[in-house]
Amino acid sequence: MRSQLNTLITLPVLGFLIGLTGCVQPSPHAGQGILVGEVTETSALVQVRLSVSDALENNDLEGVEGAVEFVLVNLDNNSEVARTNIKAAGFRDCIARAFFEELSNGTRYQVRTRIGKDERSLVEGPTASFKTLPGKDRSEAIQFVVVSGMDYAKFHGDNSIGRGVHLQLNPTELAEPYSGPDKHLGYPGLETILELKPDFFVGTGDTVCYDSPQEPRAETVTDMRQKWHEQFVQPRVRELFAEVPTYWQVDDQDYRIDDSDNSGDYHPTPGEARRMFLEQVPVAPSGQRDIKTYRTHRVSKDLQIWFVENRMYRSPNAMPDGPDKSIWGKEQKQWLKRTLLESDAVFKLLISPTPMIGPDSMQKFDNHTNVKGFRYERDEFFAWLNQTGLSRKNFYIICGDRQWQYHSISPDGIEEFSTGALTDTNSRLGVKPGNPTSTDPEGLINQVFTQNPHSGGFLLVQISPGSGGNKPTLTFEFRDEQGVKLYTHKKQ
């Protein structure tokens, strides 16, 4: 009798709730895992997105509002450092992001989470670990990876973007979509990176591609978010970022469209593009819309890195080249020069979403190498590096965007290392110095290395501190997505 009475009472109430909300509120999942970003000597950002499940449905991962409790633990002494509850709100795509400050430098931390509909229904969520940067007074061994070109559509079955350029330059070497039995796990290169246990990961842009496939491309906020959801739900992505903290930059295809600037009346608008970048990856605390996306971090006594912003502040691509045309903008350029001069780090690395030396394809016009692009700014900056002597004080450029790995030296002695594309499916052979279809038809650039055959992969950067009278060493190492060493170059 009691069972029948409960049934009579429960079913109408449940029916009322379904009629009121359209569905029964599901218990949240963390389908995109956990993400740590922008780690400094004393701070870190950590985020979790709540979702209705752990897998894509209809090519997307629907979010669900709720609460996330973040607990920060110092692993060196196993003590709790901080605890905070953050709401995963719908207007932020159900992302809860915590900002931890006043941390100790060179210290290992773990972030444990609990997730739920609200603070009264929390269950165990994902866990991440990271180490704060050693800082300017400590010389330590450091290794990190730099990556570009994680094109989801090409890997999973749509290689329409760039196909014409690929076929024109390499008619017999256009990679087909990945067909391995582990395809559902995502990019093999990320598993390779995880095995190396780097201190951090740098994504130089094109993390997602709003215009791949071309039809339909992402034009609305919903469409743009979907690109990030499908990328970060992949198992290898989740596994890597649970153990390796990240730094992110934005480039053309995860800003607006291929080779985009801030002109043109179409979607995504520059405002929408900036909003999505700051919303989807942990670059700044939530709500800090006016944050500068260019920044520098003193990693250790031996190393400082600069992340420049190449999309948000640029002049129109079609503007005639000259002193008023800029990728960086006046304010960023002044900041870059000032902070470079202030640094006493042994090695200085400028990480740029786009190339500065190349060579690149002649038909492009949106980067510092291009004839009708932004060469004036590049040449002025290189002249300043030589004038100040910084070019002779272990200053090097790392760039993304180009789909092949290379090590190039400009005629005035500046060196650049291109990460290449992460996956075989997004890689191609590069154009070489002396090629009449390149930005260096006269062959003035000394290209020490370029990939052949083409393959996916990444750049591994290692710092070895000096000891016993030896000086610190900086090593650039190109690897393919299976971890095979392709080229190694050391600086002391």
Protein backbone atom coordinates (compact mmCIF):
# COMPACT_ATOMS: atom_id res chain seq x y z
CA MET A 1 0.00 0.00 0.00
CA ARG A 2 2.82 2.41 0.91
CA SER A 3 4.57 1.61 -2.40
CA GLN A 4 1.42 2.37 -4.38
CA LEU A 5 0.89 5.65 -2.51
CA ASN A 6 4.49 6.71 -3.20
CA THR A 7 3.99 5.93 -6.86
CA LEU A 8 0.78 7.98 -7.01
CA ILE A 9 2.49 10.94 -5.39
CA THR A 10 5.82 10.73 -7.24
CA LEU A 11 4.63 10.35 -10.82
CA PRO A 12 2.43 13.50 -10.90
CA VAL A 13 5.19 15.54 -9.28
CA LEU A 14 7.72 14.21 -11.77
CA GLY A 15 5.32 14.94 -14.61
CA PHE A 16 4.89 18.49 -13.34
CA LEU A 17 8.67 18.99 -13.25
CA ILE A 18 9.09 17.64 -16.77
CA GLY A 19 6.32 19.92 -18.01
CA LEU A 20 7.85 22.91 -16.27
CA THR A 21 11.46 22.47 -17.41
CA GLY A 22 11.16 20.33 -20.53
CA CYS A 23 13.48 17.72 -19.03
CA VAL A 24 14.78 16.30 -15.78
CA GLN A 25 17.96 18.17 -14.81
CA PRO A 26 20.81 15.69 -15.35
CA SER A 27 23.68 15.20 -12.96
CA PRO A 28 26.69 17.05 -14.40
CA HIS A 29 29.70 15.39 -15.97
CA ALA A 30 33.09 16.93 -16.74
CA GLY A 31 33.23 15.71 -20.34
CA GLN A 32 36.14 17.96 -21.26
CA GLY A 33 38.22 17.05 -18.25
CA ILE A 34 40.20 19.71 -16.42
CA LEU A 35 42.51 22.40 -17.75
CA VAL A 36 45.31 24.30 -15.97
CA GLY A 37 46.60 27.46 -17.58
CA GLU A 38 48.85 30.50 -17.33
CA VAL A 39 50.96 29.16 -14.48
CA THR A 40 53.41 31.69 -13.03
CA GLU A 41 55.74 31.65 -10.04
CA THR A 42 52.84 32.43 -7.72
CA SER A 43 49.53 31.78 -9.51
CA ALA A 44 47.54 29.45 -11.77
CA LEU A 45 44.15 29.21 -13.45
CA VAL A 46 42.14 25.96 -13.37
CA GLN A 47 38.88 25.29 -15.18
CA VAL A 48 36.24 22.59 -15.57
CA ARG A 49 33.28 22.68 -17.96
CA LEU A 50 30.16 20.87 -16.79
CA SER A 51 28.34 18.81 -19.43
CA VAL A 52 25.37 16.45 -19.74
CA SER A 53 27.63 13.51 -20.64
CA ASP A 54 31.21 12.45 -21.36
CA ALA A 55 30.80 12.00 -25.11
CA LEU A 56 29.67 13.93 -28.17
CA GLU A 57 26.04 13.68 -29.20
CA ASN A 58 25.05 15.13 -32.59
CA ASN A 59 28.64 16.41 -32.89
CA ASP A 60 28.45 18.54 -29.73
CA LEU A 61 28.74 18.25 -25.97
CA GLU A 62 25.88 20.07 -24.30
CA GLY A 63 26.71 22.04 -21.19
CA VAL A 64 24.81 22.03 -17.93
CA GLU A 65 24.83 24.62 -15.16
CA GLY A 66 26.03 23.62 -11.74
CA ALA A 67 28.80 24.07 -9.21
CA VAL A 68 32.47 23.07 -9.03
CA GLU A 69 34.52 22.89 -5.85
CA PHE A 70 38.25 23.34 -6.40
CA VAL A 71 40.66 22.16 -3.69
CA LEU A 72 44.34 23.05 -4.12
CA VAL A 73 46.87 20.78 -2.38
CA ASN A 74 50.62 21.35 -1.98
CA LEU A 75 52.10 17.98 -2.97
CA ASP A 76 55.49 18.78 -1.46
CA ASN A 77 54.00 18.70 2.06
CA ASN A 78 50.53 17.25 1.30
CA SER A 79 48.73 20.24 2.81
CA GLU A 80 45.56 21.94 1.62
CA VAL A 81 46.32 25.44 0.35
CA ALA A 82 42.97 26.74 -0.85
CA ARG A 83 39.35 25.74 -1.41
CA THR A 84 36.76 27.60 -3.48
CA ASN A 85 33.34 26.99 -5.02
CA ILE A 86 32.64 28.39 -8.48
CA LYS A 87 29.32 28.44 -10.33
CA ALA A 88 29.34 27.00 -13.84
CA ALA A 89 26.99 29.49 -15.47
CA GLY A 90 25.34 29.12 -18.85
CA PHE A 91 26.44 32.52 -20.09
CA ARG A 92 30.03 31.31 -19.66
CA ASP A 93 29.33 28.05 -21.50
CA CYS A 94 29.04 26.24 -18.16
CA ILE A 95 32.76 26.74 -17.48
CA ALA A 96 33.89 27.21 -13.88
CA ARG A 97 37.35 28.77 -13.62
CA ALA A 98 39.30 29.23 -10.39
CA PHE A 99 42.22 31.63 -9.92
CA PHE A 100 44.78 30.63 -7.29
CA GLU A 101 47.26 33.24 -6.05
CA GLU A 102 50.05 33.54 -3.47
CA LEU A 103 51.53 30.17 -4.39
CA SER A 104 55.15 29.16 -3.80
CA ASN A 105 57.51 29.12 -6.76
CA GLY A 106 58.94 25.83 -8.03
CA THR A 107 56.33 23.87 -6.06
CA ARG A 108 54.19 20.89 -7.10
CA TYR A 109 50.43 21.25 -6.66
CA GLN A 110 47.36 19.11 -7.26
CA VAL A 111 43.85 20.40 -7.89
CA ARG A 112 41.02 18.12 -6.80
CA THR A 113 37.47 18.90 -7.82
CA ARG A 114 33.93 17.98 -6.88
CA ILE A 115 31.08 18.71 -9.27
CA GLY A 116 27.29 18.81 -8.99
CA LYS A 117 24.01 20.56 -9.71
CA ASP A 118 24.71 22.73 -6.68
CA GLU A 119 26.99 22.85 -3.64
CA ARG A 120 24.77 20.34 -1.80
CA SER A 121 25.13 17.56 -4.37
CA LEU A 122 28.85 17.45 -5.14
CA VAL A 123 30.58 14.25 -6.25
CA GLU A 124 34.18 13.57 -7.21
CA GLY A 125 35.36 15.34 -10.37
CA PRO A 126 38.58 15.41 -12.40
CA THR A 127 42.02 16.04 -10.88
CA ALA A 128 45.00 17.91 -12.32
CA SER A 129 48.59 18.49 -11.28
CA PHE A 130 51.11 21.21 -12.11
CA LYS A 131 54.31 22.86 -10.91
CA THR A 132 54.72 26.59 -10.51
CA LEU A 133 57.55 28.25 -12.41
CA PRO A 134 60.96 28.31 -10.66
CA GLY A 135 61.33 32.06 -11.23
CA LYS A 136 64.23 34.39 -11.88
CA ASP A 137 66.37 33.33 -8.93
CA ARG A 138 66.37 29.57 -9.60
CA SER A 139 68.25 27.71 -12.31
CA GLU A 140 66.48 24.42 -13.04
CA ALA A 141 66.07 21.91 -15.85
CA ILE A 142 62.97 22.82 -17.87
CA GLN A 143 61.34 21.19 -20.87
CA PHE A 144 58.21 22.20 -22.72
CA VAL A 145 56.47 21.57 -26.04
CA VAL A 146 55.15 24.04 -28.61
CA VAL A 147 52.34 22.99 -30.94
CA SER A 148 50.23 24.38 -33.77
CA GLY A 149 47.56 23.23 -36.20
CA MET A 150 45.23 20.84 -34.33
CA ASP A 151 42.74 20.64 -37.21
CA TYR A 152 39.87 18.43 -35.98
CA ALA A 153 38.05 18.22 -39.31
CA LYS A 154 41.10 17.14 -41.29
CA PHE A 155 42.01 14.48 -38.72
CA HIS A 156 38.49 13.09 -38.46
CA GLY A 157 37.54 13.22 -42.12
CA ASP A 158 37.26 16.62 -43.81
CA ASN A 159 40.41 17.95 -45.49
CA SER A 160 38.70 20.58 -47.66
CA ILE A 161 40.47 23.53 -46.00
CA GLY A 162 43.73 24.27 -47.75
CA ARG A 163 43.31 21.40 -50.21
CA GLY A 164 43.90 23.64 -53.22
CA VAL A 165 47.18 24.97 -51.80
CA HIS A 166 48.27 21.48 -50.77
CA LEU A 167 47.60 20.05 -54.22
CA GLN A 168 49.29 22.97 -55.96
CA LEU A 169 52.51 22.64 -53.95
CA ASN A 170 52.54 18.89 -53.22
CA PRO A 171 50.19 17.10 -55.64
CA THR A 172 51.27 13.62 -54.52
CA GLU A 173 51.60 14.21 -50.79
CA LEU A 174 48.22 15.41 -49.51
CA ALA A 175 47.53 13.51 -46.30
CA GLU A 176 44.27 11.64 -45.98
CA PRO A 177 42.17 11.68 -42.79
CA TYR A 178 43.54 9.52 -39.98
CA SER A 179 42.37 5.90 -40.24
CA GLY A 180 44.01 4.17 -37.28
CA PRO A 181 41.91 2.04 -34.88
CA ASP A 182 42.71 4.57 -32.11
CA LYS A 183 41.11 7.45 -34.02
CA HIS A 184 38.42 7.86 -31.35
CA LEU A 185 41.15 8.76 -28.84
CA GLY A 186 42.29 11.80 -30.81
CA TYR A 187 45.74 12.95 -31.92
CA PRO A 188 48.58 10.42 -31.42
CA GLY A 189 51.01 13.30 -30.94
CA LEU A 190 49.38 14.24 -27.65
CA GLU A 191 50.01 10.76 -26.25
CA THR A 192 53.64 11.10 -27.33
CA ILE A 193 53.88 14.47 -25.56
CA LEU A 194 52.40 13.04 -22.36
CA GLU A 195 55.06 10.31 -22.30
CA LEU A 196 57.74 13.02 -22.32
CA LYS A 197 56.23 14.63 -19.18
CA PRO A 198 56.94 18.24 -20.17
CA ASP A 199 56.68 21.03 -17.62
CA PHE A 200 54.14 22.85 -19.81
CA PHE A 201 52.44 22.96 -23.21
CA VAL A 202 52.17 25.97 -25.53
CA GLY A 203 49.41 26.16 -28.15
CA THR A 204 50.37 28.87 -30.66
CA GLY A 205 46.92 29.15 -32.26
CA ASP A 206 44.66 27.34 -34.72
CA THR A 207 43.72 25.15 -31.76
CA VAL A 208 40.32 24.94 -33.42
CA CYS A 209 39.38 26.00 -36.95
CA TYR A 210 36.15 27.95 -37.33
CA ASP A 211 36.33 27.53 -41.12
CA SER A 212 37.16 23.84 -41.29
CA PRO A 213 35.11 22.45 -42.91
CA GLN A 214 34.35 25.42 -45.13
CA GLU A 215 30.67 24.50 -45.42
CA PRO A 216 29.24 25.06 -42.96
CA ARG A 217 31.78 27.16 -41.08
CA ALA A 218 31.25 28.47 -37.56
CA GLU A 219 29.52 31.86 -37.62
CA THR A 220 27.56 31.96 -34.37
CA VAL A 221 28.65 31.74 -30.74
CA THR A 222 26.97 28.32 -30.56
CA ASP A 223 28.90 27.13 -33.62
CA MET A 224 32.19 28.48 -32.26
CA ARG A 225 31.72 26.82 -28.89
CA GLN A 226 30.97 23.51 -30.60
CA LYS A 227 34.45 23.57 -32.16
CA TRP A 228 36.05 23.78 -28.71
CA HIS A 229 33.77 21.12 -27.25
CA GLU A 230 34.60 18.50 -29.88
CA GLN A 231 38.30 19.23 -29.54
CA PHE A 232 38.63 19.03 -25.76
CA VAL A 233 36.34 16.03 -25.24
CA GLN A 234 38.84 13.73 -26.99
CA PRO A 235 40.43 11.28 -24.51
CA ARG A 236 44.05 12.11 -25.37
CA VAL A 237 43.36 15.82 -24.93
CA ARG A 238 41.80 15.24 -21.51
CA GLU A 239 44.60 12.92 -20.37
CA LEU A 240 47.39 15.28 -21.41
CA PHE A 241 45.97 18.40 -19.81
CA ALA A 242 45.22 16.65 -16.53
CA GLU A 243 49.00 16.38 -16.10
CA VAL A 244 50.50 19.22 -18.16
CA PRO A 245 49.63 22.93 -17.66
CA THR A 246 49.03 25.11 -20.71
CA TYR A 247 49.59 28.51 -22.30
CA TRP A 248 47.43 29.58 -25.26
CA GLN A 249 47.62 31.99 -28.17
CA VAL A 250 45.08 32.71 -30.90
CA ASP A 251 45.65 32.75 -34.66
CA ASP A 252 43.52 33.30 -37.73
CA GLN A 253 41.39 30.15 -37.81
CA ASP A 254 40.49 30.20 -34.13
CA TYR A 255 39.94 33.96 -34.36
CA ARG A 256 37.72 34.48 -37.41
CA ILE A 257 38.68 32.77 -40.69
CA ASP A 258 41.86 31.85 -42.57
CA ASP A 259 44.23 34.86 -42.86
CA SER A 260 41.68 37.07 -41.09
CA ASP A 261 42.15 40.57 -39.69
CA ASN A 262 39.64 42.84 -37.93
CA SER A 263 38.01 44.22 -41.08
CA GLY A 264 34.97 42.85 -42.87
CA ASP A 265 31.31 42.76 -41.88
CA TYR A 266 30.87 39.07 -41.19
CA HIS A 267 30.75 36.59 -38.32
CA PRO A 268 32.60 35.79 -36.17
CA THR A 269 33.18 39.46 -35.44
CA PRO A 270 36.41 40.51 -33.69
CA GLY A 271 34.42 40.95 -30.48
CA GLU A 272 32.92 37.47 -30.71
CA ALA A 273 36.33 35.99 -31.51
CA ARG A 274 38.01 37.62 -28.52
CA ARG A 275 35.15 36.59 -26.23
CA MET A 276 35.43 32.94 -27.30
CA PHE A 277 39.19 32.82 -26.82
CA LEU A 278 39.01 34.27 -23.30
CA GLU A 279 36.02 32.07 -22.46
CA GLN A 280 37.26 28.71 -23.71
CA VAL A 281 40.88 28.55 -22.54
CA PRO A 282 42.44 29.68 -19.23
CA VAL A 283 44.36 32.79 -20.24
CA ALA A 284 42.76 35.19 -17.72
CA PRO A 285 40.37 35.02 -14.75
CA SER A 286 36.71 34.88 -15.81
CA GLY A 287 35.19 38.26 -16.47
CA GLN A 288 38.45 40.08 -17.24
CA ARG A 289 37.41 41.07 -20.76
CA ASP A 290 39.94 43.93 -20.98
CA ILE A 291 42.98 41.70 -20.27
CA LYS A 292 45.99 42.04 -22.59
CA THR A 293 46.51 38.78 -24.46
CA TYR A 294 50.21 39.52 -24.97
CA ARG A 295 52.35 38.73 -21.93
CA THR A 296 55.74 37.51 -20.74
CA HIS A 297 56.72 34.95 -18.12
CA ARG A 298 60.05 34.57 -16.37
CA VAL A 299 60.31 30.79 -16.30
CA SER A 300 63.65 30.49 -14.52
CA LYS A 301 66.97 32.23 -14.03
CA ASP A 302 67.95 30.97 -17.48
CA LEU A 303 64.72 31.43 -19.46
CA GLN A 304 62.08 34.06 -20.21
CA ILE A 305 59.34 33.66 -22.81
CA TRP A 306 57.16 36.23 -24.59
CA PHE A 307 53.72 35.45 -26.04
CA VAL A 308 52.84 38.07 -28.64
CA GLU A 309 49.32 38.80 -29.88
CA ASN A 310 49.09 38.80 -33.68
CA ARG A 311 45.36 39.12 -34.46
CA MET A 312 43.51 41.42 -32.09
CA TYR A 313 45.52 44.62 -32.55
CA ARG A 314 46.60 44.36 -36.19
CA SER A 315 46.14 46.78 -39.07
CA PRO A 316 44.07 45.62 -42.06
CA ASN A 317 45.95 43.11 -44.19
CA ALA A 318 45.14 45.09 -47.36
CA MET A 319 46.74 48.29 -46.02
CA PRO A 320 49.92 49.27 -47.91
CA ASP A 321 53.02 48.20 -46.01
CA GLY A 322 54.91 50.93 -44.19
CA PRO A 323 55.62 52.48 -40.77
CA ASP A 324 51.90 52.76 -39.89
CA LYS A 325 51.04 49.14 -40.67
CA SER A 326 51.40 46.74 -37.76
CA ILE A 327 50.52 43.25 -36.60
CA TRP A 328 51.34 44.09 -32.98
CA GLY A 329 50.04 47.63 -32.60
CA LYS A 330 51.98 50.54 -31.10
CA GLU A 331 51.32 49.70 -27.46
CA GLN A 332 52.32 46.04 -27.74
CA LYS A 333 55.44 46.89 -29.73
CA GLN A 334 56.59 49.33 -27.05
CA TRP A 335 55.88 46.76 -24.34
CA LEU A 336 57.81 44.08 -26.23
CA LYS A 337 60.92 46.20 -26.67
CA ARG A 338 60.84 47.49 -23.11
CA THR A 339 60.47 44.06 -21.50
CA LEU A 340 63.13 42.51 -23.72
CA LEU A 341 65.61 45.17 -22.65
CA GLU A 342 64.68 44.74 -18.98
CA SER A 343 65.25 40.99 -18.98
CA ASP A 344 68.48 39.48 -17.64
CA ALA A 345 67.47 35.91 -18.54
CA VAL A 346 70.19 33.91 -20.28
CA PHE A 347 67.80 32.76 -23.06
CA LYS A 348 64.95 34.84 -24.47
CA LEU A 349 62.26 33.16 -26.59
CA LEU A 350 59.64 35.07 -28.57
CA ILE A 351 56.72 32.74 -29.33
CA SER A 352 54.72 34.04 -32.27
CA PRO A 353 51.53 32.58 -33.75
CA THR A 354 52.83 33.43 -37.24
CA PRO A 355 56.26 33.32 -38.92
CA MET A 356 58.69 36.22 -39.10
CA ILE A 357 61.41 34.65 -41.29
CA GLY A 358 59.98 31.65 -43.15
CA PRO A 359 60.09 31.55 -46.09
CA ASP A 360 56.37 31.32 -46.71
CA SER A 361 54.22 31.04 -49.83
CA MET A 362 54.25 34.14 -52.01
CA GLN A 363 50.45 34.32 -52.33
CA LYS A 364 49.91 34.91 -48.60
CA PHE A 365 49.67 38.44 -47.21
CA ASP A 366 48.87 38.25 -43.49
CA ASN A 367 52.21 37.75 -41.71
CA HIS A 368 55.63 39.34 -41.23
CA THR A 369 57.28 37.36 -44.05
CA ASN A 370 54.85 38.34 -46.80
CA VAL A 371 55.83 40.78 -49.53
CA LYS A 372 52.49 42.63 -49.29
CA GLY A 373 52.12 41.86 -45.60
CA PHE A 374 53.93 43.34 -42.62
CA ARG A 375 57.60 43.27 -43.62
CA TYR A 376 58.28 46.86 -42.64
CA GLU A 377 57.48 46.10 -39.00
CA ARG A 378 59.56 42.89 -39.12
CA ASP A 379 62.57 44.63 -40.64
CA GLU A 380 62.38 47.50 -38.16
CA PHE A 381 62.19 45.05 -35.24
CA PHE A 382 65.11 42.98 -36.51
CA ALA A 383 67.20 46.14 -36.99
CA TRP A 384 66.38 47.11 -33.40
CA LEU A 385 67.45 43.66 -32.15
CA ASN A 386 70.80 44.08 -33.86
CA GLN A 387 71.21 47.68 -32.77
CA THR A 388 70.61 46.81 -29.10
CA GLY A 389 72.71 43.65 -29.30
CA LEU A 390 69.80 41.43 -28.25
CA SER A 391 70.17 39.34 -31.39
CA ARG A 392 73.59 38.26 -30.08
CA LYS A 393 72.31 37.54 -26.57
CA ASN A 394 70.49 34.25 -27.08
CA PHE A 395 67.28 35.67 -28.52
CA TYR A 396 65.30 33.22 -30.69
CA ILE A 397 61.87 33.05 -32.33
CA ILE A 398 59.46 30.12 -32.21
CA CYS A 399 56.48 30.30 -34.55
CA GLY A 400 53.34 28.35 -35.26
CA ASP A 401 50.91 28.56 -38.19
CA ARG A 402 53.13 26.99 -40.87
CA GLN A 403 52.39 23.30 -41.47
CA TRP A 404 56.00 22.19 -41.72
CA GLN A 405 58.90 22.22 -39.28
CA TYR A 406 61.95 24.29 -40.08
CA HIS A 407 64.95 26.10 -38.61
CA SER A 408 65.75 29.27 -40.56
CA ILE A 409 68.29 32.07 -40.14
CA SER A 410 67.53 35.48 -41.62
CA PRO A 411 70.21 37.42 -43.57
CA ASP A 412 70.79 39.56 -40.44
CA GLY A 413 71.30 36.53 -38.20
CA ILE A 414 67.92 36.15 -36.44
CA GLU A 415 66.88 32.49 -35.95
CA GLU A 416 63.38 31.03 -36.14
CA PHE A 417 62.03 27.55 -35.32
CA SER A 418 58.64 26.58 -36.77
CA THR A 419 56.63 23.99 -34.83
CA GLY A 420 54.87 22.53 -37.88
CA ALA A 421 51.38 20.98 -37.62
CA LEU A 422 50.58 18.55 -34.82
CA THR A 423 49.07 15.87 -37.07
CA ASP A 424 50.14 14.14 -40.26
CA THR A 425 46.73 15.00 -41.70
CA ASN A 426 47.42 18.74 -41.43
CA SER A 427 51.08 18.72 -42.49
CA ARG A 428 52.73 19.45 -45.82
CA LEU A 429 56.11 20.17 -47.33
CA GLY A 430 57.29 23.76 -46.99
CA VAL A 431 58.52 26.20 -49.59
CA LYS A 432 62.30 26.56 -49.60
CA PRO A 433 64.59 29.58 -49.98
CA GLY A 434 65.21 30.28 -53.65
CA ASN A 435 61.82 28.98 -54.76
CA PRO A 436 60.30 31.63 -57.06
CA THR A 437 56.88 31.01 -55.47
CA SER A 438 58.25 31.73 -51.98
CA THR A 439 58.75 34.95 -50.02
CA ASP A 440 62.52 34.44 -50.51
CA PRO A 441 62.96 33.92 -54.27
CA GLU A 442 66.60 35.09 -54.08
CA GLY A 443 67.52 32.45 -51.50
CA LEU A 444 68.84 34.89 -48.89
CA ILE A 445 67.54 32.86 -45.92
CA ASN A 446 69.77 30.12 -44.56
CA GLN A 447 67.38 27.24 -43.88
CA VAL A 448 69.34 24.83 -41.71
CA PHE A 449 66.52 22.28 -41.54
CA THR A 450 63.14 21.63 -43.13
CA GLN A 451 60.98 18.52 -42.93
CA ASN A 452 61.12 16.04 -45.78
CA PRO A 453 58.97 13.99 -45.95
CA HIS A 454 56.24 16.01 -44.28
CA SER A 455 54.69 14.76 -41.06
CA GLY A 456 52.88 15.93 -37.98
CA GLY A 457 54.82 16.67 -34.83
CA PHE A 458 55.92 19.31 -32.34
CA LEU A 459 58.88 21.28 -31.04
CA LEU A 460 60.46 20.15 -27.76
CA VAL A 461 62.44 22.88 -25.99
CA GLN A 462 64.82 21.98 -23.15
CA ILE A 463 66.88 24.07 -20.75
CA SER A 464 69.80 22.47 -18.92
CA PRO A 465 71.20 24.65 -16.10
CA GLY A 466 74.89 25.32 -15.93
CA SER A 467 76.93 23.38 -13.40
CA GLY A 468 80.58 22.70 -12.66
CA GLY A 469 81.71 25.70 -14.67
CA ASN A 470 79.52 24.80 -17.67
CA LYS A 471 77.08 27.33 -19.08
CA PRO A 472 73.31 26.71 -19.40
CA THR A 473 72.22 24.95 -22.59
CA LEU A 474 69.11 25.53 -24.71
CA THR A 475 68.06 22.66 -27.00
CA PHE A 476 65.52 22.79 -29.82
CA GLU A 477 64.34 19.35 -30.89
CA PHE A 478 61.84 18.59 -33.64
CA ARG A 479 59.89 15.35 -33.27
CA ASP A 480 57.19 13.71 -35.33
CA GLU A 481 53.88 12.69 -33.81
CA GLN A 482 55.26 9.26 -32.86
CA GLY A 483 58.15 10.87 -30.98
CA VAL A 484 60.90 10.17 -33.53
CA LYS A 485 63.65 12.81 -33.37
CA LEU A 486 63.97 14.62 -36.70
CA TYR A 487 66.43 17.41 -35.86
CA THR A 488 68.27 18.72 -32.80
CA HIS A 489 70.02 22.06 -32.36
CA LYS A 490 71.79 23.23 -29.18
CA LYS A 491 72.67 26.71 -27.96
CA GLN A 492 75.09 27.38 -25.10
